[in-house]
Amino acid sequence: MKILIINKRNLISLLLYIAVIITLTTIIIHFNPYNYKATQTISPLNPSQTSQIDLTGDGKKDSLQIVNAQNKIDLNITSSNNSYYLSNQVQDKTLFNNNTHWEPKVFIHDISRDNIPEIILQGSKNDKSACYVFHWNGKNFTLVYYSNNNIFGILDCKNQKTPQCYSLSSSGGLSSLNTFMLINNKTLNTSNNNSNVPSLESITNFINLIELPYIVDDLPDIFTTGIDKENLSLLWGLDKDNYSYSFQNAFFYDYKWTQSGEPYSIRWRLSFEKSNLKGNRNDKSEFIFVIDLQKDAASYKISAIQKAK
């Protein structure tokens, strides 16, 4: 049997070599142009369940429940034996109206970076879009933002920058764009610094594609070359001979960034009204797409399509 003997000098050289390899690997990973610190999925809470989340920053789980009564939808939060109805922060005491094909969505995310998550609500009120952002100020849940715009998103969602919120109307486009940060319990308007929404052009083209009353033969150039063909098959299965689709609202956020800090991957959640062309006027349901886009040169292209509902 041969016994490998390594002298002290060779051992030091070997250890230095290993250290250099580890360091170079770390540098390559760190400076990868598509590197990101963490991926966090922002999905709406299940409306049929009572959610247990710390919403006040005291380390204790609070109870969050959607309340549906008298054609009105409210959100009730129970924290430390105190009950808070978010509708009390709205002038007409109504968050949303009951709408089976446009159900309210509740998103939880720490926009202010104070380790206390904000509550983002999207839904319909009097057949129009309604979007709210609520924040715990230490004593109560206060309304810090409200809009009738039907698109809301968060960029710099989970990187080293302060998150920015984007709000706009699908009909008004960029002319309706409003952006803000939430700092020290107050909104800071940043609209003058933002004139564009990354990936909006491809999403607008996708919405137009879904709303067409027929299936197109050739798809627009908004998809990556590597997109799964099964994803694209969702577009062929919409049965537009029997159903029409009308865009309702959207929520988006970024989850991967380039080395320069630009969004590389963005996820959109698109809600459509699906109407039965051969049924009665109330024969409607909600159809939801979850879309992932990746930066492709100066534009963003769709890399994945999922049906959420």
Protein backbone atom coordinates (compact mmCIF):
# COMPACT_ATOMS: atom_id res chain seq x y z
CA MET A 1 0.00 0.00 0.00
CA LYS A 2 1.24 3.46 -0.91
CA ILE A 3 0.88 6.22 1.63
CA LEU A 4 0.55 9.77 0.29
CA ILE A 5 2.77 12.10 2.27
CA ILE A 6 2.27 15.87 1.91
CA ASN A 7 4.87 18.09 3.45
CA LYS A 8 4.01 21.35 5.16
CA ARG A 9 4.95 23.54 2.18
CA ASN A 10 2.80 21.52 -0.23
CA LEU A 11 -0.08 21.50 2.24
CA ILE A 12 0.01 25.30 2.50
CA SER A 13 0.12 25.60 -1.30
CA LEU A 14 -2.84 23.24 -1.63
CA LEU A 15 -4.88 25.18 0.92
CA LEU A 16 -4.05 28.47 -0.82
CA TYR A 17 -5.11 26.98 -4.16
CA ILE A 18 -8.44 25.83 -2.70
CA ALA A 19 -8.98 29.26 -1.11
CA VAL A 20 -8.35 30.99 -4.45
CA ILE A 21 -10.83 28.70 -6.23
CA ILE A 22 -13.50 29.35 -3.60
CA THR A 23 -12.87 33.11 -3.76
CA LEU A 24 -13.08 33.20 -7.57
CA THR A 25 -16.26 31.14 -7.53
CA THR A 26 -17.81 33.51 -5.00
CA ILE A 27 -16.82 36.55 -7.08
CA ILE A 28 -18.26 35.03 -10.26
CA ILE A 29 -21.55 34.26 -8.52
CA HIS A 30 -21.68 37.65 -6.85
CA PHE A 31 -21.01 39.62 -10.01
CA ASN A 32 -23.15 37.51 -12.29
CA PRO A 33 -25.17 40.13 -14.24
CA TYR A 34 -28.34 38.20 -13.38
CA ASN A 35 -27.53 37.60 -9.73
CA TYR A 36 -30.13 38.24 -7.06
CA LYS A 37 -30.18 38.01 -3.30
CA ALA A 38 -33.52 36.30 -2.75
CA THR A 39 -36.66 35.29 -4.54
CA GLN A 40 -39.92 36.03 -2.80
CA THR A 41 -43.24 35.08 -4.30
CA ILE A 42 -46.01 37.56 -3.62
CA SER A 43 -49.24 35.63 -3.98
CA PRO A 44 -52.73 36.69 -2.89
CA LEU A 45 -54.06 35.23 0.34
CA ASN A 46 -56.73 32.55 0.16
CA PRO A 47 -60.02 34.48 0.58
CA SER A 48 -61.85 31.47 2.00
CA GLN A 49 -59.41 31.01 4.87
CA THR A 50 -58.47 33.05 7.91
CA SER A 51 -54.80 33.97 7.52
CA GLN A 52 -52.39 34.14 10.46
CA ILE A 53 -49.72 36.80 9.85
CA ASP A 54 -47.81 39.27 12.02
CA LEU A 55 -49.16 42.58 10.70
CA THR A 56 -48.13 44.83 13.61
CA GLY A 57 -44.47 43.91 14.11
CA ASP A 58 -44.88 42.59 17.66
CA GLY A 59 -43.84 39.06 16.76
CA LYS A 60 -47.34 37.67 17.30
CA LYS A 61 -49.61 36.27 14.62
CA ASP A 62 -52.64 38.39 13.80
CA SER A 63 -55.84 37.05 12.29
CA LEU A 64 -56.90 38.40 8.89
CA GLN A 65 -60.30 37.51 7.48
CA ILE A 66 -62.38 38.64 4.50
CA VAL A 67 -65.95 39.48 5.50
CA ASN A 68 -68.73 39.35 2.91
CA ALA A 69 -72.12 40.80 3.89
CA GLN A 70 -74.87 42.90 2.27
CA ASN A 71 -73.08 43.05 -1.09
CA LYS A 72 -70.04 44.57 0.61
CA ILE A 73 -66.64 43.05 1.20
CA ASP A 74 -64.54 44.08 4.17
CA LEU A 75 -61.29 42.99 5.75
CA ASN A 76 -61.18 42.30 9.48
CA ILE A 77 -57.93 42.05 11.43
CA THR A 78 -57.80 40.74 14.99
CA SER A 79 -54.64 41.70 16.87
CA SER A 80 -54.07 41.40 20.63
CA ASN A 81 -57.83 41.01 21.21
CA ASN A 82 -58.53 44.19 19.24
CA SER A 83 -60.59 44.11 16.05
CA TYR A 84 -59.92 46.39 13.09
CA TYR A 85 -62.20 46.72 10.05
CA LEU A 86 -60.28 48.34 7.22
CA SER A 87 -63.48 49.83 5.77
CA ASN A 88 -63.49 52.26 8.71
CA GLN A 89 -60.53 54.00 7.04
CA VAL A 90 -62.52 54.59 3.84
CA GLN A 91 -64.83 57.59 3.51
CA ASP A 92 -67.92 55.67 2.40
CA LYS A 93 -67.10 52.68 4.67
CA THR A 94 -66.99 50.31 1.68
CA LEU A 95 -63.86 48.59 0.39
CA PHE A 96 -65.38 46.49 -2.39
CA ASN A 97 -68.70 45.27 -3.70
CA ASN A 98 -69.40 41.59 -4.14
CA ASN A 99 -68.46 40.50 -7.65
CA THR A 100 -68.13 36.80 -8.49
CA HIS A 101 -66.01 37.42 -11.59
CA TRP A 102 -63.78 40.05 -9.97
CA GLU A 103 -62.93 38.83 -6.51
CA PRO A 104 -60.82 40.99 -4.18
CA LYS A 105 -57.15 40.10 -3.81
CA VAL A 106 -55.09 40.60 -0.66
CA PHE A 107 -51.30 40.90 -0.98
CA ILE A 108 -48.92 41.25 1.97
CA HIS A 109 -45.49 42.83 1.48
CA ASP A 110 -43.13 45.08 3.44
CA ILE A 111 -43.03 48.12 1.16
CA SER A 112 -41.70 50.46 3.86
CA ARG A 113 -38.84 48.12 4.89
CA ASP A 114 -39.63 48.60 8.57
CA ASN A 115 -40.27 44.87 9.14
CA ILE A 116 -44.00 45.55 9.31
CA PRO A 117 -45.78 44.40 6.14
CA GLU A 118 -48.25 46.57 4.27
CA ILE A 119 -51.65 45.27 3.16
CA ILE A 120 -52.39 45.75 -0.54
CA LEU A 121 -55.97 45.25 -1.69
CA GLN A 122 -57.29 45.04 -5.24
CA GLY A 123 -60.87 44.51 -6.34
CA SER A 124 -63.97 46.19 -7.73
CA LYS A 125 -66.21 48.85 -6.28
CA ASN A 126 -69.32 50.00 -8.15
CA ASP A 127 -68.03 48.01 -11.15
CA LYS A 128 -64.78 49.99 -11.19
CA SER A 129 -61.29 49.07 -10.10
CA ALA A 130 -60.25 49.92 -6.55
CA CYS A 131 -56.80 49.57 -5.00
CA TYR A 132 -55.77 50.29 -1.39
CA VAL A 133 -52.54 50.19 0.62
CA PHE A 134 -52.83 50.02 4.41
CA HIS A 135 -50.02 50.46 6.94
CA TRP A 136 -49.81 49.83 10.70
CA ASN A 137 -48.72 53.08 12.41
CA GLY A 138 -48.36 51.61 15.89
CA LYS A 139 -51.96 52.28 16.89
CA ASN A 140 -54.14 51.53 13.91
CA PHE A 141 -54.19 50.39 10.31
CA THR A 142 -54.20 53.57 8.25
CA LEU A 143 -54.97 54.06 4.57
CA VAL A 144 -51.82 55.44 2.94
CA TYR A 145 -52.83 55.04 -0.70
CA TYR A 146 -56.00 54.66 -2.77
CA SER A 147 -56.58 54.67 -6.52
CA ASN A 148 -59.07 53.60 -9.17
CA ASN A 149 -56.19 52.51 -11.39
CA ASN A 150 -56.38 48.83 -12.28
CA ILE A 151 -52.65 48.06 -12.41
CA PHE A 152 -50.47 48.04 -9.29
CA GLY A 153 -46.93 46.81 -8.89
CA ILE A 154 -43.78 46.88 -6.78
CA LEU A 155 -40.28 47.20 -8.22
CA ASP A 156 -37.06 46.82 -6.24
CA CYS A 157 -39.26 44.44 -4.37
CA LYS A 158 -36.62 42.44 -2.52
CA ASN A 159 -33.21 43.89 -3.36
CA GLN A 160 -31.05 46.49 -1.61
CA LYS A 161 -33.06 49.49 -2.82
CA THR A 162 -36.18 51.03 -1.32
CA PRO A 163 -39.23 49.47 -3.01
CA GLN A 164 -41.20 51.69 -5.38
CA CYS A 165 -44.91 51.25 -6.04
CA TYR A 166 -46.34 51.74 -9.53
CA SER A 167 -49.99 52.53 -10.20
CA LEU A 168 -51.58 53.13 -13.58
CA SER A 169 -54.69 52.59 -15.65
CA SER A 170 -54.69 50.12 -18.54
CA SER A 171 -56.80 52.54 -20.56
CA GLY A 172 -54.70 55.61 -19.70
CA GLY A 173 -51.34 53.90 -20.10
CA LEU A 174 -48.18 55.72 -19.05
CA SER A 175 -50.00 59.06 -18.97
CA SER A 176 -51.80 57.78 -15.86
CA LEU A 177 -48.64 56.47 -14.17
CA ASN A 178 -48.14 57.34 -10.52
CA THR A 179 -45.20 56.06 -8.46
CA PHE A 180 -44.36 56.39 -4.79
CA MET A 181 -42.29 55.08 -1.90
CA LEU A 182 -43.54 54.53 1.62
CA ILE A 183 -41.17 56.17 4.11
CA ASN A 184 -41.86 56.96 7.78
CA ASN A 185 -45.55 56.09 7.46
CA LYS A 186 -45.99 58.54 4.57
CA THR A 187 -45.99 58.24 0.80
CA LEU A 188 -43.19 59.98 -1.10
CA ASN A 189 -44.28 60.80 -4.66
CA THR A 190 -41.58 59.70 -7.12
CA SER A 191 -43.59 60.10 -10.34
CA ASN A 192 -41.24 62.76 -11.70
CA ASN A 193 -38.40 60.23 -11.62
CA ASN A 194 -40.29 57.46 -13.41
CA SER A 195 -41.76 57.62 -16.89
CA ASN A 196 -41.86 53.95 -17.80
CA VAL A 197 -42.90 50.55 -16.46
CA PRO A 198 -40.49 47.75 -17.37
CA SER A 199 -42.25 44.94 -19.32
CA LEU A 200 -45.48 46.97 -19.75
CA GLU A 201 -45.28 46.93 -23.56
CA SER A 202 -45.17 43.13 -23.75
CA ILE A 203 -47.92 42.81 -21.16
CA THR A 204 -50.13 45.25 -23.07
CA ASN A 205 -49.63 43.22 -26.24
CA PHE A 206 -50.45 40.04 -24.33
CA ILE A 207 -53.66 41.57 -22.94
CA ASN A 208 -54.65 42.66 -26.45
CA LEU A 209 -53.95 39.13 -27.68
CA ILE A 210 -56.26 37.60 -25.06
CA GLU A 211 -59.03 40.13 -25.69
CA LEU A 212 -59.12 39.44 -29.44
CA PRO A 213 -62.34 37.61 -30.41
CA TYR A 214 -60.35 35.01 -32.35
CA ILE A 215 -57.19 32.93 -32.12
CA VAL A 216 -54.31 34.40 -34.12
CA ASP A 217 -52.25 32.29 -36.50
CA ASP A 218 -48.99 34.06 -35.74
CA LEU A 219 -48.01 35.16 -32.25
CA PRO A 220 -46.52 38.62 -31.68
CA ASP A 221 -42.82 38.85 -30.85
CA ILE A 222 -43.33 39.02 -27.10
CA PHE A 223 -42.22 35.49 -26.13
CA THR A 224 -38.76 34.10 -25.48
CA THR A 225 -37.51 31.46 -27.90
CA GLY A 226 -37.20 28.99 -25.04
CA ILE A 227 -40.74 29.27 -23.68
CA ASP A 228 -42.38 25.90 -23.04
CA LYS A 229 -44.77 24.93 -25.83
CA GLU A 230 -47.22 23.65 -23.21
CA ASN A 231 -47.34 27.20 -21.83
CA LEU A 232 -48.27 28.54 -25.25
CA SER A 233 -50.94 25.86 -25.62
CA LEU A 234 -52.96 27.75 -23.00
CA LEU A 235 -53.55 30.41 -25.64
CA TRP A 236 -55.03 27.88 -28.07
CA GLY A 237 -57.39 26.50 -25.43
CA LEU A 238 -59.33 29.70 -24.69
CA ASP A 239 -62.31 28.55 -26.81
CA LYS A 240 -63.09 31.98 -28.22
CA ASP A 241 -66.00 30.58 -30.23
CA ASN A 242 -67.87 30.34 -26.95
CA TYR A 243 -66.12 32.78 -24.61
CA SER A 244 -64.87 36.36 -24.64
CA TYR A 245 -62.21 37.83 -22.36
CA SER A 246 -61.99 41.34 -20.95
CA PHE A 247 -59.05 42.59 -18.87
CA GLN A 248 -59.90 43.60 -15.29
CA ASN A 249 -56.75 44.30 -13.28
CA ALA A 250 -53.14 43.31 -12.69
CA PHE A 251 -50.50 43.06 -9.98
CA PHE A 252 -46.78 42.78 -10.70
CA TYR A 253 -43.40 42.65 -8.96
CA ASP A 254 -39.76 42.01 -9.83
CA TYR A 255 -37.79 39.14 -8.31
CA LYS A 256 -34.45 39.08 -10.11
CA TRP A 257 -32.09 41.92 -11.05
CA THR A 258 -29.12 42.69 -13.28
CA GLN A 259 -25.76 43.77 -11.91
CA SER A 260 -26.71 47.39 -12.55
CA GLY A 261 -29.87 46.98 -10.48
CA GLU A 262 -32.41 46.84 -13.31
CA PRO A 263 -35.26 44.31 -13.09
CA TYR A 264 -34.31 41.14 -14.94
CA SER A 265 -37.31 38.95 -14.10
CA ILE A 266 -40.81 40.33 -13.49
CA ARG A 267 -43.99 38.45 -12.63
CA TRP A 268 -47.46 39.69 -13.56
CA ARG A 269 -50.81 38.40 -12.34
CA LEU A 270 -53.53 39.30 -14.88
CA SER A 271 -57.25 39.04 -14.16
CA PHE A 272 -59.78 38.74 -17.00
CA GLU A 273 -63.55 38.61 -17.07
CA LYS A 274 -64.55 35.45 -18.94
CA SER A 275 -68.04 35.71 -20.47
CA ASN A 276 -70.09 32.91 -22.00
CA LEU A 277 -71.15 34.18 -25.43
CA LYS A 278 -74.04 31.72 -25.56
CA GLY A 279 -75.23 32.11 -21.98
CA ASN A 280 -77.04 34.89 -20.14
CA ARG A 281 -75.39 38.23 -19.43
CA ASN A 282 -74.49 37.15 -15.88
CA ASP A 283 -72.75 33.97 -16.98
CA LYS A 284 -69.29 35.28 -16.14
CA SER A 285 -66.26 34.04 -14.25
CA GLU A 286 -62.71 35.16 -13.50
CA PHE A 287 -59.77 33.90 -15.54
CA ILE A 288 -56.26 34.56 -14.22
CA PHE A 289 -52.90 34.31 -15.95
CA VAL A 290 -49.57 34.38 -14.10
CA ILE A 291 -46.90 35.65 -16.49
CA ASP A 292 -43.11 35.67 -16.06
CA LEU A 293 -40.98 37.98 -18.20
CA GLN A 294 -37.22 38.21 -18.65
CA LYS A 295 -35.12 41.11 -19.83
CA ASP A 296 -34.14 40.64 -23.47
CA ALA A 297 -31.82 43.42 -24.65
CA ALA A 298 -33.88 46.61 -24.38
CA SER A 299 -37.22 44.85 -23.93
CA TYR A 300 -38.86 42.16 -21.81
CA LYS A 301 -40.24 38.93 -23.21
CA ILE A 302 -42.61 36.36 -21.75
CA SER A 303 -40.75 33.25 -20.56
CA ALA A 304 -43.58 31.41 -18.79
CA ILE A 305 -47.39 31.38 -18.70
CA GLN A 306 -49.50 29.74 -16.02
CA LYS A 307 -53.23 29.56 -15.48
CA ALA A 308 -54.03 30.41 -11.85
CA LYS A 309 -57.83 30.29 -12.11
